[in-house]
PDB file of all heavy atoms in Angstrom:
ATOM      1  N   PRO A   1     193.580 229.498 150.765  1.00  0.00           N
ATOM      2  CA  PRO A   1     193.029 230.600 151.567  1.00  0.00           C
ATOM      3  C   PRO A   1     191.609 230.308 152.031  1.00  0.00           C
ATOM      4  O   PRO A   1     190.874 229.527 151.418  1.00  0.00           O
ATOM      5  CB  PRO A   1     193.053 231.780 150.600  1.00  0.00           C
ATOM      6  CG  PRO A   1     193.002 231.165 149.238  1.00  0.00           C
ATOM      7  CD  PRO A   1     193.748 229.869 149.348  1.00  0.00           C
ATOM      8  N   GLN A   2     191.233 230.940 153.120  1.00  0.00           N
ATOM      9  CA  GLN A   2     189.855 230.872 153.578  1.00  0.00           C
ATOM     10  C   GLN A   2     188.966 231.612 152.581  1.00  0.00           C
ATOM     11  O   GLN A   2     189.249 232.755 152.229  1.00  0.00           O
ATOM     12  CB  GLN A   2     189.743 231.533 154.960  1.00  0.00           C
ATOM     13  CG  GLN A   2     188.343 231.506 155.554  1.00  0.00           C
ATOM     14  CD  GLN A   2     187.982 230.158 156.133  1.00  0.00           C
ATOM     15  OE1 GLN A   2     188.853 229.349 156.397  1.00  0.00           O
ATOM     16  NE2 GLN A   2     186.687 229.917 156.319  1.00  0.00           N
ATOM     17  N   PRO A   3     187.921 230.970 152.047  1.00  0.00           N
ATOM     18  CA  PRO A   3     187.072 231.683 151.089  1.00  0.00           C
ATOM     19  C   PRO A   3     186.363 232.854 151.746  1.00  0.00           C
ATOM     20  O   PRO A   3     185.834 232.746 152.856  1.00  0.00           O
ATOM     21  CB  PRO A   3     186.076 230.615 150.626  1.00  0.00           C
ATOM     22  CG  PRO A   3     186.122 229.549 151.670  1.00  0.00           C
ATOM     23  CD  PRO A   3     187.489 229.579 152.257  1.00  0.00           C
ATOM     24  N   GLY A   4     186.413 233.984 151.079  1.00  0.00           N
ATOM     25  CA  GLY A   4     185.759 235.180 151.595  1.00  0.00           C
ATOM     26  C   GLY A   4     184.377 235.357 150.991  1.00  0.00           C
ATOM     27  O   GLY A   4     183.867 234.495 150.269  1.00  0.00           O
ATOM     28  N   ARG A   5     183.805 236.499 151.261  1.00  0.00           N
ATOM     29  CA  ARG A   5     182.486 236.818 150.728  1.00  0.00           C
ATOM     30  C   ARG A   5     182.554 236.853 149.199  1.00  0.00           C
ATOM     31  O   ARG A   5     183.430 237.488 148.624  1.00  0.00           O
ATOM     32  CB  ARG A   5     182.023 238.166 151.276  1.00  0.00           C
ATOM     33  CG  ARG A   5     180.600 238.545 150.876  1.00  0.00           C
ATOM     34  CD  ARG A   5     180.227 239.882 151.496  1.00  0.00           C
ATOM     35  NE  ARG A   5     178.873 240.279 151.122  1.00  0.00           N
ATOM     36  CZ  ARG A   5     177.791 239.908 151.778  1.00  0.00           C
ATOM     37  NH1 ARG A   5     177.907 239.123 152.862  1.00  0.00           N
ATOM     38  NH2 ARG A   5     176.589 240.304 151.398  1.00  0.00           N
ATOM     39  N   GLY A   6     181.631 236.166 148.557  1.00  0.00           N
ATOM     40  CA  GLY A   6     181.611 236.151 147.094  1.00  0.00           C
ATOM     41  C   GLY A   6     182.611 235.194 146.473  1.00  0.00           C
ATOM     42  O   GLY A   6     182.818 235.240 145.258  1.00  0.00           O
ATOM     43  N   GLU A   7     183.219 234.320 147.294  1.00  0.00           N
ATOM     44  CA  GLU A   7     184.155 233.332 146.773  1.00  0.00           C
ATOM     45  C   GLU A   7     183.613 231.922 147.013  1.00  0.00           C
ATOM     46  O   GLU A   7     182.741 231.704 147.851  1.00  0.00           O
ATOM     47  CB  GLU A   7     185.526 233.481 147.435  1.00  0.00           C
ATOM     48  CG  GLU A   7     186.239 234.771 147.078  1.00  0.00           C
ATOM     49  CD  GLU A   7     187.638 234.823 147.649  1.00  0.00           C
ATOM     50  OE1 GLU A   7     187.817 234.408 148.811  1.00  0.00           O
ATOM     51  OE2 GLU A   7     188.540 235.301 146.939  1.00  0.00           O
ATOM     52  N   VAL A   8     184.181 230.964 146.267  1.00  0.00           N
ATOM     53  CA  VAL A   8     183.791 229.564 146.407  1.00  0.00           C
ATOM     54  C   VAL A   8     185.025 228.706 146.638  1.00  0.00           C
ATOM     55  O   VAL A   8     186.115 229.015 146.155  1.00  0.00           O
ATOM     56  CB  VAL A   8     183.036 229.049 145.168  1.00  0.00           C
ATOM     57  CG1 VAL A   8     181.688 229.725 145.023  1.00  0.00           C
ATOM     58  CG2 VAL A   8     183.862 229.216 143.900  1.00  0.00           C
ATOM     59  N   LEU A   9     184.832 227.648 147.412  1.00  0.00           N
ATOM     60  CA  LEU A   9     185.840 226.605 147.562  1.00  0.00           C
ATOM     61  C   LEU A   9     185.387 225.426 146.718  1.00  0.00           C
ATOM     62  O   LEU A   9     184.274 224.916 146.900  1.00  0.00           O
ATOM     63  CB  LEU A   9     185.978 226.184 149.028  1.00  0.00           C
ATOM     64  CG  LEU A   9     186.788 224.904 149.296  1.00  0.00           C
ATOM     65  CD1 LEU A   9     188.244 225.089 148.893  1.00  0.00           C
ATOM     66  CD2 LEU A   9     186.671 224.493 150.756  1.00  0.00           C
ATOM     67  N   VAL A  10     186.233 225.010 145.808  1.00  0.00           N
ATOM     68  CA  VAL A  10     185.900 223.927 144.886  1.00  0.00           C
ATOM     69  C   VAL A  10     186.786 222.715 145.167  1.00  0.00           C
ATOM     70  O   VAL A  10     188.012 222.852 145.308  1.00  0.00           O
ATOM     71  CB  VAL A  10     186.086 224.366 143.419  1.00  0.00           C
ATOM     72  CG1 VAL A  10     185.776 223.209 142.456  1.00  0.00           C
ATOM     73  CG2 VAL A  10     185.210 225.570 143.098  1.00  0.00           C
ATOM     74  N   ARG A  11     186.172 221.542 145.273  1.00  0.00           N
ATOM     75  CA  ARG A  11     186.913 220.275 145.341  1.00  0.00           C
ATOM     76  C   ARG A  11     186.909 219.676 143.935  1.00  0.00           C
ATOM     77  O   ARG A  11     185.862 219.417 143.362  1.00  0.00           O
ATOM     78  CB  ARG A  11     186.257 219.299 146.320  1.00  0.00           C
ATOM     79  CG  ARG A  11     186.879 217.894 146.294  1.00  0.00           C
ATOM     80  CD  ARG A  11     186.317 217.001 147.382  1.00  0.00           C
ATOM     81  NE  ARG A  11     184.872 216.859 147.298  1.00  0.00           N
ATOM     82  CZ  ARG A  11     184.264 215.966 146.506  1.00  0.00           C
ATOM     83  NH1 ARG A  11     184.960 215.177 145.722  1.00  0.00           N
ATOM     84  NH2 ARG A  11     182.942 215.892 146.508  1.00  0.00           N
ATOM     85  N   THR A  12     188.091 219.470 143.384  1.00  0.00           N
ATOM     86  CA  THR A  12     188.210 219.054 141.994  1.00  0.00           C
ATOM     87  C   THR A  12     187.833 217.588 141.815  1.00  0.00           C
ATOM     88  O   THR A  12     188.250 216.721 142.587  1.00  0.00           O
ATOM     89  CB  THR A  12     189.644 219.278 141.489  1.00  0.00           C
ATOM     90  OG1 THR A  12     190.051 220.615 141.801  1.00  0.00           O
ATOM     91  CG2 THR A  12     189.740 219.066 139.990  1.00  0.00           C
ATOM     92  N   LEU A  13     187.059 217.342 140.781  1.00  0.00           N
ATOM     93  CA  LEU A  13     186.709 215.979 140.375  1.00  0.00           C
ATOM     94  C   LEU A  13     187.586 215.521 139.213  1.00  0.00           C
ATOM     95  O   LEU A  13     188.113 214.406 139.219  1.00  0.00           O
ATOM     96  CB  LEU A  13     185.237 215.915 139.945  1.00  0.00           C
ATOM     97  CG  LEU A  13     184.191 216.278 140.996  1.00  0.00           C
ATOM     98  CD1 LEU A  13     182.802 216.312 140.350  1.00  0.00           C
ATOM     99  CD2 LEU A  13     184.226 215.290 142.148  1.00  0.00           C
ATOM    100  N   HIS A  14     187.708 216.376 138.212  1.00  0.00           N
ATOM    101  CA  HIS A  14     188.495 216.060 137.019  1.00  0.00           C
ATOM    102  C   HIS A  14     189.147 217.342 136.501  1.00  0.00           C
ATOM    103  O   HIS A  14     188.609 218.441 136.661  1.00  0.00           O
ATOM    104  CB  HIS A  14     187.623 215.506 135.892  1.00  0.00           C
ATOM    105  CG  HIS A  14     186.891 214.251 136.227  1.00  0.00           C
ATOM    106  ND1 HIS A  14     187.504 213.022 136.302  1.00  0.00           N
ATOM    107  CD2 HIS A  14     185.581 214.033 136.504  1.00  0.00           C
ATOM    108  CE1 HIS A  14     186.614 212.099 136.601  1.00  0.00           C
ATOM    109  NE2 HIS A  14     185.431 212.689 136.743  1.00  0.00           N
ATOM    110  N   SER A  15     190.273 217.176 135.847  1.00  0.00           N
ATOM    111  CA  SER A  15     190.816 218.232 135.001  1.00  0.00           C
ATOM    112  C   SER A  15     191.258 217.590 133.705  1.00  0.00           C
ATOM    113  O   SER A  15     191.369 216.368 133.603  1.00  0.00           O
ATOM    114  CB  SER A  15     191.976 218.978 135.685  1.00  0.00           C
ATOM    115  OG  SER A  15     193.048 218.109 135.995  1.00  0.00           O
ATOM    116  N   GLY A  16     191.468 218.418 132.712  1.00  0.00           N
ATOM    117  CA  GLY A  16     191.883 217.903 131.411  1.00  0.00           C
ATOM    118  C   GLY A  16     193.208 218.515 130.999  1.00  0.00           C
ATOM    119  O   GLY A  16     193.472 219.688 131.264  1.00  0.00           O
ATOM    120  N   VAL A  17     194.045 217.699 130.368  1.00  0.00           N
ATOM    121  CA  VAL A  17     195.294 218.204 129.803  1.00  0.00           C
ATOM    122  C   VAL A  17     195.034 218.561 128.347  1.00  0.00           C
ATOM    123  O   VAL A  17     194.738 217.685 127.526  1.00  0.00           O
ATOM    124  CB  VAL A  17     196.425 217.158 129.888  1.00  0.00           C
ATOM    125  CG1 VAL A  17     197.701 217.710 129.241  1.00  0.00           C
ATOM    126  CG2 VAL A  17     196.693 216.776 131.335  1.00  0.00           C
ATOM    127  N   SER A  18     195.100 219.846 128.052  1.00  0.00           N
ATOM    128  CA  SER A  18     194.974 220.313 126.671  1.00  0.00           C
ATOM    129  C   SER A  18     196.301 220.045 125.987  1.00  0.00           C
ATOM    130  O   SER A  18     197.265 220.800 126.141  1.00  0.00           O
ATOM    131  CB  SER A  18     194.644 221.808 126.657  1.00  0.00           C
ATOM    132  OG  SER A  18     194.569 222.293 125.350  1.00  0.00           O
ATOM    133  N   ARG A  19     196.361 218.937 125.234  1.00  0.00           N
ATOM    134  CA  ARG A  19     197.649 218.389 124.820  1.00  0.00           C
ATOM    135  C   ARG A  19     198.499 219.378 124.014  1.00  0.00           C
ATOM    136  O   ARG A  19     199.705 219.480 124.227  1.00  0.00           O
ATOM    137  CB  ARG A  19     197.428 217.109 124.010  1.00  0.00           C
ATOM    138  CG  ARG A  19     198.719 216.365 123.691  1.00  0.00           C
ATOM    139  CD  ARG A  19     198.449 215.005 123.074  1.00  0.00           C
ATOM    140  NE  ARG A  19     199.703 214.318 122.772  1.00  0.00           N
ATOM    141  CZ  ARG A  19     200.337 214.430 121.633  1.00  0.00           C
ATOM    142  NH1 ARG A  19     199.839 215.193 120.682  1.00  0.00           N
ATOM    143  NH2 ARG A  19     201.475 213.789 121.425  1.00  0.00           N
ATOM    144  N   GLY A  20     197.880 220.125 123.114  1.00  0.00           N
ATOM    145  CA  GLY A  20     198.676 221.035 122.297  1.00  0.00           C
ATOM    146  C   GLY A  20     199.323 222.142 123.109  1.00  0.00           C
ATOM    147  O   GLY A  20     200.549 222.250 123.182  1.00  0.00           O
ATOM    148  N   THR A  21     198.513 222.955 123.782  1.00  0.00           N
ATOM    149  CA  THR A  21     199.036 224.108 124.510  1.00  0.00           C
ATOM    150  C   THR A  21     199.848 223.685 125.729  1.00  0.00           C
ATOM    151  O   THR A  21     200.934 224.209 125.978  1.00  0.00           O
ATOM    152  CB  THR A  21     197.883 225.022 124.945  1.00  0.00           C
ATOM    153  OG1 THR A  21     197.157 225.442 123.790  1.00  0.00           O
ATOM    154  CG2 THR A  21     198.417 226.246 125.665  1.00  0.00           C
ATOM    155  N   GLU A  22     199.325 222.740 126.498  1.00  0.00           N
ATOM    156  CA  GLU A  22     200.006 222.389 127.748  1.00  0.00           C
ATOM    157  C   GLU A  22     201.327 221.664 127.523  1.00  0.00           C
ATOM    158  O   GLU A  22     202.265 221.827 128.306  1.00  0.00           O
ATOM    159  CB  GLU A  22     199.086 221.569 128.644  1.00  0.00           C
ATOM    160  CG  GLU A  22     197.986 222.414 129.268  1.00  0.00           C
ATOM    161  CD  GLU A  22     197.314 221.718 130.432  1.00  0.00           C
ATOM    162  OE1 GLU A  22     197.998 221.371 131.412  1.00  0.00           O
ATOM    163  OE2 GLU A  22     196.084 221.517 130.347  1.00  0.00           O
ATOM    164  N   THR A  23     201.423 220.864 126.481  1.00  0.00           N
ATOM    165  CA  THR A  23     202.711 220.214 126.234  1.00  0.00           C
ATOM    166  C   THR A  23     203.720 221.224 125.689  1.00  0.00           C
ATOM    167  O   THR A  23     204.926 221.103 125.952  1.00  0.00           O
ATOM    168  CB  THR A  23     202.569 219.018 125.278  1.00  0.00           C
ATOM    169  OG1 THR A  23     202.008 219.440 124.033  1.00  0.00           O
ATOM    170  CG2 THR A  23     201.691 217.948 125.888  1.00  0.00           C
ATOM    171  N   LEU A  24     203.233 222.259 124.974  1.00  0.00           N
ATOM    172  CA  LEU A  24     204.133 223.332 124.545  1.00  0.00           C
ATOM    173  C   LEU A  24     204.677 224.065 125.767  1.00  0.00           C
ATOM    174  O   LEU A  24     205.877 224.355 125.858  1.00  0.00           O
ATOM    175  CB  LEU A  24     203.388 224.279 123.612  1.00  0.00           C
ATOM    176  CG  LEU A  24     204.197 225.394 122.949  1.00  0.00           C
ATOM    177  CD1 LEU A  24     203.615 225.692 121.566  1.00  0.00           C
ATOM    178  CD2 LEU A  24     204.192 226.672 123.772  1.00  0.00           C
ATOM    179  N   VAL A  25     203.791 224.373 126.721  1.00  0.00           N
ATOM    180  CA  VAL A  25     204.225 225.007 127.971  1.00  0.00           C
ATOM    181  C   VAL A  25     205.189 224.090 128.712  1.00  0.00           C
ATOM    182  O   VAL A  25     206.217 224.534 129.243  1.00  0.00           O
ATOM    183  CB  VAL A  25     203.009 225.340 128.860  1.00  0.00           C
ATOM    184  CG1 VAL A  25     203.454 225.776 130.255  1.00  0.00           C
ATOM    185  CG2 VAL A  25     202.165 226.437 128.215  1.00  0.00           C
ATOM    186  N   PHE A  26     204.888 222.794 128.736  1.00  0.00           N
ATOM    187  CA  PHE A  26     205.696 221.827 129.481  1.00  0.00           C
ATOM    188  C   PHE A  26     207.136 221.776 128.962  1.00  0.00           C
ATOM    189  O   PHE A  26     208.078 221.635 129.751  1.00  0.00           O
ATOM    190  CB  PHE A  26     205.052 220.444 129.400  1.00  0.00           C
ATOM    191  CG  PHE A  26     205.719 219.401 130.255  1.00  0.00           C
ATOM    192  CD1 PHE A  26     205.532 219.386 131.630  1.00  0.00           C
ATOM    193  CD2 PHE A  26     206.536 218.434 129.683  1.00  0.00           C
ATOM    194  CE1 PHE A  26     206.153 218.426 132.422  1.00  0.00           C
ATOM    195  CE2 PHE A  26     207.155 217.476 130.464  1.00  0.00           C
ATOM    196  CZ  PHE A  26     206.962 217.473 131.840  1.00  0.00           C
ATOM    197  N   ARG A  27     207.300 221.904 127.661  1.00  0.00           N
ATOM    198  CA  ARG A  27     208.657 221.851 127.116  1.00  0.00           C
ATOM    199  C   ARG A  27     209.344 223.221 127.125  1.00  0.00           C
ATOM    200  O   ARG A  27     210.476 223.359 126.667  1.00  0.00           O
ATOM    201  CB  ARG A  27     208.651 221.270 125.701  1.00  0.00           C
ATOM    202  CG  ARG A  27     208.013 222.133 124.637  1.00  0.00           C
ATOM    203  CD  ARG A  27     208.194 221.501 123.254  1.00  0.00           C
ATOM    204  NE  ARG A  27     207.557 222.259 122.197  1.00  0.00           N
ATOM    205  CZ  ARG A  27     208.101 223.325 121.606  1.00  0.00           C
ATOM    206  NH1 ARG A  27     209.292 223.766 121.980  1.00  0.00           N
ATOM    207  NH2 ARG A  27     207.457 223.949 120.638  1.00  0.00           N
ATOM    208  N   GLY A  28     208.654 224.253 127.628  1.00  0.00           N
ATOM    209  CA  GLY A  28     209.250 225.582 127.709  1.00  0.00           C
ATOM    210  C   GLY A  28     209.223 226.322 126.396  1.00  0.00           C
ATOM    211  O   GLY A  28     210.097 227.156 126.133  1.00  0.00           O
ATOM    212  N   GLY A  29     208.190 226.066 125.562  1.00  0.00           N
ATOM    213  CA  GLY A  29     208.161 226.615 124.223  1.00  0.00           C
ATOM    214  C   GLY A  29     207.351 227.880 124.039  1.00  0.00           C
ATOM    215  O   GLY A  29     207.063 228.251 122.903  1.00  0.00           O
ATOM    216  N   VAL A  30     206.986 228.576 125.119  1.00  0.00           N
ATOM    217  CA  VAL A  30     206.242 229.830 124.976  1.00  0.00           C
ATOM    218  C   VAL A  30     207.229 230.961 124.711  1.00  0.00           C
ATOM    219  O   VAL A  30     208.100 231.234 125.545  1.00  0.00           O
ATOM    220  CB  VAL A  30     205.410 230.140 126.240  1.00  0.00           C
ATOM    221  CG1 VAL A  30     204.661 231.461 126.069  1.00  0.00           C
ATOM    222  CG2 VAL A  30     204.433 229.009 126.533  1.00  0.00           C
ATOM    223  N   PRO A  31     207.149 231.643 123.558  1.00  0.00           N
ATOM    224  CA  PRO A  31     208.085 232.727 123.276  1.00  0.00           C
ATOM    225  C   PRO A  31     207.944 233.860 124.287  1.00  0.00           C
ATOM    226  O   PRO A  31     206.844 234.128 124.778  1.00  0.00           O
ATOM    227  CB  PRO A  31     207.696 233.199 121.871  1.00  0.00           C
ATOM    228  CG  PRO A  31     206.656 232.274 121.374  1.00  0.00           C
ATOM    229  CD  PRO A  31     206.157 231.458 122.502  1.00  0.00           C
ATOM    230  N   GLU A  32     209.044 234.528 124.572  1.00  0.00           N
ATOM    231  CA  GLU A  32     209.017 235.603 125.563  1.00  0.00           C
ATOM    232  C   GLU A  32     208.020 236.687 125.188  1.00  0.00           C
ATOM    233  O   GLU A  32     207.347 237.256 126.052  1.00  0.00           O
ATOM    234  CB  GLU A  32     210.415 236.210 125.714  1.00  0.00           C
ATOM    235  CG  GLU A  32     210.505 237.230 126.834  1.00  0.00           C
ATOM    236  CD  GLU A  32     211.939 237.692 127.080  1.00  0.00           C
ATOM    237  OE1 GLU A  32     212.863 237.111 126.488  1.00  0.00           O
ATOM    238  OE2 GLU A  32     212.095 238.653 127.856  1.00  0.00           O
ATOM    239  N   SER A  33     207.870 236.933 123.891  1.00  0.00           N
ATOM    240  CA  SER A  33     206.943 237.979 123.450  1.00  0.00           C
ATOM    241  C   SER A  33     205.489 237.628 123.740  1.00  0.00           C
ATOM    242  O   SER A  33     204.620 238.504 123.726  1.00  0.00           O
ATOM    243  CB  SER A  33     207.105 238.216 121.941  1.00  0.00           C
ATOM    244  OG  SER A  33     206.725 237.053 121.207  1.00  0.00           O
ATOM    245  N   GLN A  34     205.207 236.339 124.006  1.00  0.00           N
ATOM    246  CA  GLN A  34     203.842 235.891 124.237  1.00  0.00           C
ATOM    247  C   GLN A  34     203.575 235.501 125.693  1.00  0.00           C
ATOM    248  O   GLN A  34     202.526 234.930 125.998  1.00  0.00           O
ATOM    249  CB  GLN A  34     203.531 234.706 123.316  1.00  0.00           C
ATOM    250  CG  GLN A  34     203.540 235.053 121.851  1.00  0.00           C
ATOM    251  CD  GLN A  34     202.535 236.139 121.518  1.00  0.00           C
ATOM    252  OE1 GLN A  34     201.335 235.981 121.755  1.00  0.00           O
ATOM    253  NE2 GLN A  34     203.007 237.254 120.983  1.00  0.00           N
ATOM    254  N   HIS A  35     204.509 235.795 126.590  1.00  0.00           N
ATOM    255  CA  HIS A  35     204.317 235.412 127.994  1.00  0.00           C
ATOM    256  C   HIS A  35     203.050 236.019 128.581  1.00  0.00           C
ATOM    257  O   HIS A  35     202.296 235.332 129.293  1.00  0.00           O
ATOM    258  CB  HIS A  35     205.538 235.834 128.822  1.00  0.00           C
ATOM    259  CG  HIS A  35     206.705 234.921 128.641  1.00  0.00           C
ATOM    260  ND1 HIS A  35     207.837 234.996 129.428  1.00  0.00           N
ATOM    261  CD2 HIS A  35     206.926 233.892 127.784  1.00  0.00           C
ATOM    262  CE1 HIS A  35     208.707 234.067 129.056  1.00  0.00           C
ATOM    263  NE2 HIS A  35     208.169 233.398 128.055  1.00  0.00           N
ATOM    264  N   ALA A  36     202.774 237.263 128.287  1.00  0.00           N
ATOM    265  CA  ALA A  36     201.580 237.900 128.838  1.00  0.00           C
ATOM    266  C   ALA A  36     200.318 237.358 128.178  1.00  0.00           C
ATOM    267  O   ALA A  36     199.324 237.058 128.846  1.00  0.00           O
ATOM    268  CB  ALA A  36     201.658 239.417 128.667  1.00  0.00           C
ATOM    269  N   ALA A  37     200.345 237.210 126.855  1.00  0.00           N
ATOM    270  CA  ALA A  37     199.162 236.736 126.132  1.00  0.00           C
ATOM    271  C   ALA A  37     198.802 235.307 126.496  1.00  0.00           C
ATOM    272  O   ALA A  37     197.633 234.927 126.458  1.00  0.00           O
ATOM    273  CB  ALA A  37     199.396 236.840 124.622  1.00  0.00           C
ATOM    274  N   MET A  38     199.799 234.507 126.864  1.00  0.00           N
ATOM    275  CA  MET A  38     199.574 233.088 127.136  1.00  0.00           C
ATOM    276  C   MET A  38     199.230 232.796 128.590  1.00  0.00           C
ATOM    277  O   MET A  38     198.996 231.643 128.950  1.00  0.00           O
ATOM    278  CB  MET A  38     200.818 232.284 126.743  1.00  0.00           C
ATOM    279  CG  MET A  38     200.922 231.995 125.263  1.00  0.00           C
ATOM    280  SD  MET A  38     199.701 230.771 124.734  1.00  0.00           S
ATOM    281  CE  MET A  38     200.319 229.304 125.575  1.00  0.00           C
ATOM    282  N   ARG A  39     199.193 233.790 129.436  1.00  0.00           N
ATOM    283  CA  ARG A  39     198.866 233.541 130.837  1.00  0.00           C
ATOM    284  C   ARG A  39     197.471 232.934 130.966  1.00  0.00           C
ATOM    285  O   ARG A  39     196.508 233.409 130.360  1.00  0.00           O
ATOM    286  CB  ARG A  39     198.915 234.826 131.665  1.00  0.00           C
ATOM    287  CG  ARG A  39     200.296 235.308 132.010  1.00  0.00           C
ATOM    288  CD  ARG A  39     200.235 236.370 133.106  1.00  0.00           C
ATOM    289  NE  ARG A  39     199.797 235.803 134.378  1.00  0.00           N
ATOM    290  CZ  ARG A  39     200.618 235.252 135.265  1.00  0.00           C
ATOM    291  NH1 ARG A  39     201.914 235.191 135.021  1.00  0.00           N
ATOM    292  NH2 ARG A  39     200.141 234.762 136.400  1.00  0.00           N
ATOM    293  N   ALA A  40     197.372 231.870 131.754  1.00  0.00           N
ATOM    294  CA  ALA A  40     196.069 231.301 132.077  1.00  0.00           C
ATOM    295  C   ALA A  40     195.430 232.150 133.176  1.00  0.00           C
ATOM    296  O   ALA A  40     196.136 232.820 133.949  1.00  0.00           O
ATOM    297  CB  ALA A  40     196.221 229.854 132.531  1.00  0.00           C
TER     298      ALA A  40
END
């Protein structure tokens, strides 16, 4: 989207893979009861 007032456009340099949480998400291991709590 076009950045509006009070917003920023960021060009990414690096990101990190949080191995524990992200690999759990990757394998589909988030319990349904925790879908809301686990939202990034």
